[in-house]
Protein backbone atom coordinates (compact mmCIF):
# COMPACT_ATOMS: atom_id res chain seq x y z
CA MET A 1 10.74 -12.34 22.55
CA HIS A 2 11.80 -8.67 22.28
CA ARG A 3 9.26 -5.81 23.86
CA LEU A 4 8.04 -2.74 22.05
CA PRO A 5 9.93 0.18 22.37
CA PRO A 6 9.24 2.24 25.13
CA HIS A 7 7.88 5.04 23.21
CA VAL A 8 5.34 2.76 21.42
CA ARG A 9 3.93 1.45 24.49
CA ARG A 10 3.19 4.80 25.67
CA ALA A 11 1.30 5.89 22.52
CA ARG A 12 -0.29 2.94 22.90
CA ARG A 13 -1.90 3.61 26.20
CA GLY A 14 -2.73 7.30 25.11
CA ALA A 15 -4.04 6.89 21.73
CA ARG A 16 -6.49 4.01 21.75
CA ALA A 17 -9.60 6.34 22.90
CA ALA A 18 -8.91 8.94 20.10
CA ALA A 19 -7.82 6.91 17.30
CA GLY A 20 -11.20 7.44 15.44
CA CYS A 21 -10.78 11.44 15.43
CA ALA A 22 -7.00 11.09 15.05
CA PHE A 23 -7.67 9.47 11.60
CA LEU A 24 -8.98 12.52 10.44
CA ALA A 25 -6.30 14.23 10.63
CA ALA A 26 -3.76 11.46 9.43
CA THR A 27 -2.27 11.89 5.89
CA LEU A 28 1.12 11.94 4.09
CA LEU A 29 2.46 14.36 1.66
CA VAL A 30 5.51 14.11 0.13
CA ALA A 31 7.57 14.91 -3.37
CA THR A 32 9.71 11.29 -3.23
CA PRO A 33 9.66 8.17 -1.23
CA PRO A 34 9.87 7.44 1.43
CA ALA A 35 6.84 9.19 2.72
CA VAL A 36 6.88 10.68 6.07
CA ALA A 37 3.91 11.80 7.82
CA SER A 38 2.40 15.64 8.03
CA ALA A 39 -0.34 17.43 9.87
CA HIS A 40 -2.54 17.97 6.56
CA PRO A 41 -6.33 17.04 7.38
CA ASP A 42 -6.91 15.01 4.48
CA PRO A 43 -6.71 11.43 4.91
CA ILE A 44 -4.47 10.75 1.57
CA VAL A 45 -1.35 9.61 0.68
CA ASP A 46 0.04 11.54 -1.78
CA ARG A 47 3.68 10.63 -3.55
CA SER A 48 3.28 12.74 -6.42
CA THR A 49 6.38 14.56 -8.05
CA GLY A 50 8.41 15.28 -10.95
CA HIS A 51 10.72 12.40 -11.21
CA VAL A 52 14.04 12.81 -13.14
CA VAL A 53 14.88 10.08 -15.13
CA ALA A 54 18.34 8.16 -14.06
CA ARG A 55 20.05 5.83 -15.76
CA GLY A 56 18.22 2.19 -16.17
CA ASP A 57 15.14 3.56 -15.08
CA SER A 58 12.03 2.17 -16.75
CA LEU A 59 8.33 2.77 -16.85
CA ALA A 60 7.77 -0.29 -14.38
CA SER A 61 10.63 0.75 -12.09
CA ILE A 62 9.11 4.46 -11.53
CA GLY A 63 5.61 3.08 -11.68
CA ALA A 64 6.98 0.73 -8.62
CA ARG A 65 8.66 3.27 -6.60
CA TYR A 66 6.04 5.39 -6.20
CA GLY A 67 2.55 3.42 -6.60
CA VAL A 68 1.47 4.38 -9.83
CA SER A 69 0.30 2.30 -12.55
CA VAL A 70 2.67 2.17 -15.76
CA GLN A 71 -0.33 3.20 -17.94
CA LEU A 72 -0.99 6.19 -15.70
CA VAL A 73 2.52 7.29 -15.99
CA VAL A 74 2.27 7.00 -20.03
CA ARG A 75 -0.83 8.88 -20.44
CA GLN A 76 0.23 12.02 -17.78
CA ASN A 77 3.53 12.32 -20.10
CA ALA A 78 2.11 11.68 -23.24
CA LEU A 79 4.75 8.95 -23.99
CA ASP A 80 5.08 6.00 -26.57
CA PRO A 81 5.81 3.37 -24.24
CA ARG A 82 7.75 1.43 -26.92
CA LYS A 83 10.64 4.21 -26.55
CA PRO A 84 13.33 3.79 -24.10
CA LEU A 85 13.58 7.15 -21.38
CA ARG A 86 16.52 9.52 -21.67
CA PRO A 87 18.32 10.26 -18.59
CA GLY A 88 17.56 13.80 -17.20
CA GLN A 89 13.84 13.65 -18.52
CA VAL A 90 11.49 14.85 -15.99
CA LEU A 91 8.19 12.91 -15.77
CA GLN A 92 5.16 14.28 -13.89
CA VAL A 93 3.98 11.46 -11.92
CA THR A 94 0.82 11.55 -9.77
CA ALA A 95 0.25 8.83 -6.83
CA ARG A 96 -2.14 9.41 -4.12
CA HIS A 97 -4.17 6.64 -2.03
CA VAL A 98 -6.66 7.01 0.47
CA VAL A 99 -5.55 5.74 3.91
CA PRO A 100 -7.44 2.66 4.87
CA PRO A 101 -8.96 2.53 8.48
CA PRO A 102 -6.20 2.67 11.13
CA LEU A 103 -4.77 1.14 13.78
CA ASP A 104 -3.60 2.41 16.93
CA ASP A 105 0.05 1.06 16.48
CA GLY A 106 0.70 -1.25 13.60
CA ILE A 107 0.51 -2.37 10.15
CA VAL A 108 -2.55 -2.22 7.74
CA ILE A 109 -1.36 -3.78 3.82
CA ASN A 110 -4.51 -3.42 1.80
CA LEU A 111 -3.92 -6.01 -0.93
CA PRO A 112 -5.93 -4.20 -4.05
CA GLN A 113 -4.05 -1.17 -3.38
CA ARG A 114 -0.82 -2.86 -3.02
CA MET A 115 0.11 -0.14 -0.37
CA LEU A 116 1.38 -1.14 3.43
CA PHE A 117 0.42 1.84 5.85
CA LEU A 118 2.29 2.07 9.50
CA PHE A 119 0.53 3.68 12.27
CA ARG A 120 1.84 5.30 15.18
CA GLY A 121 -0.70 6.54 17.92
CA GLY A 122 -3.52 6.37 15.43
CA ARG A 123 -1.79 8.71 12.78
CA LEU A 124 -0.38 7.55 9.63
CA ALA A 125 3.70 7.27 10.25
CA SER A 126 4.82 6.21 6.86
CA ALA A 127 3.47 4.14 3.30
CA TYR A 128 4.66 2.17 0.77
CA PRO A 129 3.83 0.37 -2.14
CA VAL A 130 4.04 -3.44 -2.34
CA ALA A 131 3.84 -6.26 -4.36
CA VAL A 132 0.94 -8.90 -3.13
CA GLY A 133 0.08 -12.48 -4.08
CA ARG A 134 -0.48 -13.28 -7.49
CA ALA A 135 -4.08 -14.03 -8.60
CA SER A 136 -3.57 -17.68 -8.35
CA TRP A 137 -1.34 -17.31 -5.14
CA PRO A 138 -3.09 -15.06 -3.10
CA THR A 139 -1.84 -13.32 0.08
CA PRO A 140 -4.41 -14.31 2.85
CA THR A 141 -6.30 -11.48 4.77
CA GLY A 142 -6.72 -11.38 8.86
CA GLU A 143 -4.74 -9.99 11.80
CA PHE A 144 -1.45 -10.77 12.39
CA THR A 145 1.88 -9.77 14.64
CA VAL A 146 5.24 -9.78 13.68
CA ARG A 147 7.02 -12.96 14.98
CA THR A 148 10.87 -12.33 13.47
CA ARG A 149 13.10 -10.06 12.35
CA GLU A 150 16.09 -11.49 10.33
CA THR A 151 18.76 -10.10 7.95
CA ASP A 152 20.51 -12.15 5.45
CA LYS A 153 17.94 -14.49 5.72
CA THR A 154 18.51 -18.19 3.78
CA TRP A 155 15.49 -18.64 1.80
CA ILE A 156 14.06 -22.01 2.56
CA VAL A 157 11.98 -22.65 -0.63
CA PRO A 158 8.44 -24.29 0.10
CA VAL A 159 7.58 -27.19 -1.56
CA SER A 160 4.62 -25.82 -3.04
CA ILE A 161 7.03 -23.48 -4.79
CA GLN A 162 9.96 -26.42 -5.37
CA GLU A 163 6.73 -28.10 -7.51
CA GLU A 164 6.15 -24.71 -9.40
CA MET A 165 9.99 -24.67 -10.26
CA ARG A 166 9.49 -28.76 -11.90
CA ARG A 167 6.70 -27.69 -13.77
CA GLU A 168 8.33 -24.87 -15.53
CA GLY A 169 11.10 -26.49 -16.43
CA LYS A 170 13.35 -24.52 -13.81
CA PRO A 171 15.99 -26.26 -11.52
CA VAL A 172 14.49 -27.05 -8.66
CA LEU A 173 16.18 -25.41 -5.47
CA THR A 174 15.60 -26.36 -1.91
CA ARG A 175 17.25 -23.19 -0.04
CA VAL A 176 19.08 -20.20 -1.50
CA PRO A 177 21.65 -18.24 0.42
CA PRO A 178 21.85 -14.57 1.40
CA GLY A 179 23.09 -12.74 -1.59
CA PRO A 180 22.38 -11.07 -4.79
CA GLU A 181 20.33 -14.69 -6.23
CA ASN A 182 18.00 -14.65 -2.80
CA PRO A 183 14.84 -13.03 -3.82
CA LEU A 184 14.08 -12.17 -0.02
CA GLY A 185 16.32 -9.42 0.00
CA ARG A 186 18.14 -8.26 2.81
CA HIS A 187 15.29 -7.76 5.35
CA TRP A 188 12.88 -10.43 6.32
CA ILE A 189 9.66 -9.64 8.57
CA GLY A 190 8.11 -12.83 9.70
CA LEU A 191 4.51 -12.49 10.60
CA SER A 192 2.00 -14.86 12.14
CA LEU A 193 0.08 -15.69 9.46
CA PRO A 194 1.50 -19.12 8.21
CA ALA A 195 4.17 -19.16 5.40
CA ILE A 196 3.76 -15.14 5.02
CA GLY A 197 6.55 -12.33 5.68
CA ILE A 198 6.96 -8.78 4.46
CA HIS A 199 10.62 -8.80 2.60
CA GLY A 200 12.92 -7.23 0.24
CA THR A 201 13.10 -7.90 -3.14
CA ILE A 202 16.09 -8.24 -5.94
CA ALA A 203 13.43 -7.23 -8.56
CA PRO A 204 12.44 -3.45 -7.40
CA ALA A 205 10.39 -3.19 -10.52
CA SER A 206 8.01 -5.86 -9.29
CA VAL A 207 6.48 -3.75 -6.49
CA TYR A 208 3.14 -2.23 -7.04
CA GLY A 209 2.08 -5.64 -8.66
CA PHE A 210 0.18 -8.96 -7.90
CA ARG A 211 3.34 -11.00 -8.34
CA SER A 212 4.61 -13.05 -5.34
CA HIS A 213 3.84 -16.38 -3.78
CA GLY A 214 1.61 -14.85 -0.93
CA CYS A 215 4.34 -13.00 0.99
CA ILE A 216 4.48 -8.72 0.66
CA ARG A 217 7.41 -7.23 -1.06
CA VAL A 218 8.62 -4.25 -0.50
CA HIS A 219 11.50 -2.07 -2.28
CA PRO A 220 14.68 -2.51 -0.36
CA ASP A 221 15.34 1.00 0.59
CA ASP A 222 11.54 1.32 1.85
CA VAL A 223 11.60 -2.33 3.75
CA ALA A 224 15.13 -1.24 5.43
CA GLN A 225 13.10 1.96 7.16
CA LEU A 226 10.21 -0.44 7.91
CA PHE A 227 12.35 -2.81 9.40
CA ASP A 228 13.82 -0.32 11.99
CA ARG A 229 10.69 0.61 13.03
CA VAL A 230 8.97 -2.45 13.71
CA ALA A 231 9.28 -4.41 17.01
CA ILE A 232 8.58 -8.30 17.66
CA GLY A 233 4.83 -8.56 18.73
CA GLU A 234 4.00 -5.46 16.09
CA PRO A 235 0.51 -5.86 15.48
CA GLY A 236 -1.29 -5.86 11.79
CA ARG A 237 -3.63 -6.56 9.72
CA ILE A 238 -4.08 -7.62 6.09
CA VAL A 239 -7.54 -6.44 4.44
CA TYR A 240 -8.94 -6.55 1.02
CA GLN A 241 -10.70 -3.30 0.01
CA PRO A 242 -10.75 -2.16 -3.72
CA LEU A 243 -12.56 0.82 -2.95
CA LEU A 244 -12.45 3.39 -0.65
CA MET A 245 -13.89 6.89 0.27
CA ALA A 246 -12.79 9.29 3.21
CA ARG A 247 -13.42 12.95 3.70
CA GLY A 248 -10.80 15.29 5.29
CA SER A 249 -11.30 18.11 7.48
CA ASP A 250 -11.64 20.54 5.21
CA GLY A 251 -14.92 18.71 3.33
CA ARG A 252 -12.97 17.81 0.53
CA ILE A 253 -14.14 14.02 -0.06
CA TRP A 254 -11.87 11.64 -1.89
CA PHE A 255 -12.74 8.09 -3.56
CA GLU A 256 -10.12 5.16 -4.86
CA ALA A 257 -10.95 2.10 -6.94
CA ASN A 258 -8.64 -0.43 -7.45
CA PRO A 259 -8.92 -3.73 -9.57
CA ASP A 260 -10.76 -7.04 -7.59
CA VAL A 261 -7.51 -9.59 -8.76
CA TYR A 262 -8.69 -12.37 -6.51
CA ARG A 263 -12.61 -11.89 -7.53
CA LYS A 264 -13.92 -11.22 -4.25
CA GLY A 265 -16.49 -8.72 -5.31
CA ALA A 266 -15.32 -5.93 -7.39
CA GLY A 267 -17.28 -3.16 -5.77
CA THR A 268 -20.72 -1.55 -7.73
CA LEU A 269 -22.06 1.91 -7.92
CA ALA A 270 -24.12 0.92 -5.07
CA ASP A 271 -21.43 -0.13 -2.79
CA ALA A 272 -19.80 3.46 -3.57
CA ARG A 273 -23.23 5.09 -2.85
CA ALA A 274 -23.59 2.66 0.43
CA MET A 275 -19.81 4.05 1.62
CA ALA A 276 -21.28 7.46 1.16
CA VAL A 277 -24.00 6.66 3.57
CA GLU A 278 -22.00 5.02 6.10
CA ARG A 279 -19.52 7.72 6.49
CA GLY A 280 -22.37 10.72 6.55
CA ILE A 281 -21.53 12.16 3.52
CA ALA A 282 -24.52 13.74 1.67
CA GLN A 283 -24.97 11.97 -1.97
CA GLU A 284 -25.63 15.11 -3.78
CA SER A 285 -21.72 16.18 -2.67
CA LEU A 286 -20.65 13.78 -5.01
CA ASP A 287 -19.63 13.69 -8.46
CA TRP A 288 -21.18 10.29 -9.38
CA ARG A 289 -20.37 10.53 -13.29
CA LEU A 290 -16.88 10.79 -12.40
CA ILE A 291 -17.21 8.16 -9.76
CA GLU A 292 -18.41 5.54 -12.38
CA THR A 293 -15.60 6.46 -14.67
CA MET A 294 -13.09 5.46 -11.84
CA LEU A 295 -15.21 2.30 -11.38
CA ARG A 296 -14.57 1.35 -14.73
CA ALA A 297 -10.95 2.27 -14.92
CA ARG A 298 -9.77 1.01 -11.71
CA ASP A 299 -6.46 2.61 -11.65
CA GLY A 300 -5.41 3.05 -8.00
CA LEU A 301 -5.35 6.71 -8.30
CA ALA A 302 -7.44 8.39 -5.53
CA GLN A 303 -9.21 11.54 -6.74
CA GLU A 304 -11.21 14.46 -5.41
CA VAL A 305 -14.82 13.47 -5.83
CA GLY A 306 -16.52 16.09 -4.00
CA VAL A 307 -17.12 18.53 -1.12
CA ASP A 308 -19.30 18.14 1.95
CA ARG A 309 -18.67 21.35 4.00
CA ASP A 310 -21.54 20.83 6.01
CA GLY A 311 -21.78 17.53 6.77
CA GLY A 312 -19.91 15.15 9.02
CA ALA A 313 -19.13 16.81 11.97
CA GLY A 314 -18.25 14.37 14.43
CA ARG A 315 -19.30 11.42 11.76
CA ALA A 316 -16.56 9.02 10.82
CA ALA A 317 -14.34 9.30 7.54
CA GLY A 318 -11.70 6.93 6.35
CA GLY A 319 -11.18 4.09 3.75
CA GLY A 320 -13.52 0.91 3.70
């Protein structure tokens, strides 16, 4: 069993008492992934950028890389999705997410958002789009710890997946060695939740989707970075929060609505109003017409929905 690095242990001791207040200052503002923490006051991950199309890019791969739906990329750039992209073409990509309630140190995965957040000292350190379990094979929620870290892991195919292969008329595999055919990619972070891990992928365009058999699938570049930043014993939490609302220290209020793929309770306008009350946000500060539109769309894009400069002194803000 490996111990956490000394800087992580020191950060934990000093951060627990201040984690709630520190969250107001936690955000991520970058032009391109992977994301790096900044001191901007809003609790928002902003991966928006002008993306220069490279050879081999597709709408799906671009959306997966930034954590945004293909539909949003198409709409923002007035594209015809039936036409191929041109190398050198510049696409505006708007990809923003509300940061969910933090840990002092550790990983938070919000399934409806299809995002993984890494915290250090109660502050956001990095965030990555992920793929999670499909509706018929949902990723479980709950607390976990990192149990293993492996590179080039042989995939021992679970019996349940073997049965799926058989039903679909595919060759039934029992194990897949490391290499270009191994769906785990090069990096595996095993969790204490049964049969669940965070791993790379040989299909990067599948990220930011509900596509896996329950595991957390991450772009190969992102999982390599995450792998180097976590240790055995790292704590974490998987949550299911389709709706998130947060207020920055400058008073701006952000809201995000995600799909309820697992049908656990999609969240209603009444739920959004209750979230505002819980966070001490004045009802009259919010654009409820915009919030209703976002609840219908559930496109996973965080938008500014109001300003509450007078409320919330000393009151909590954050996703939920």
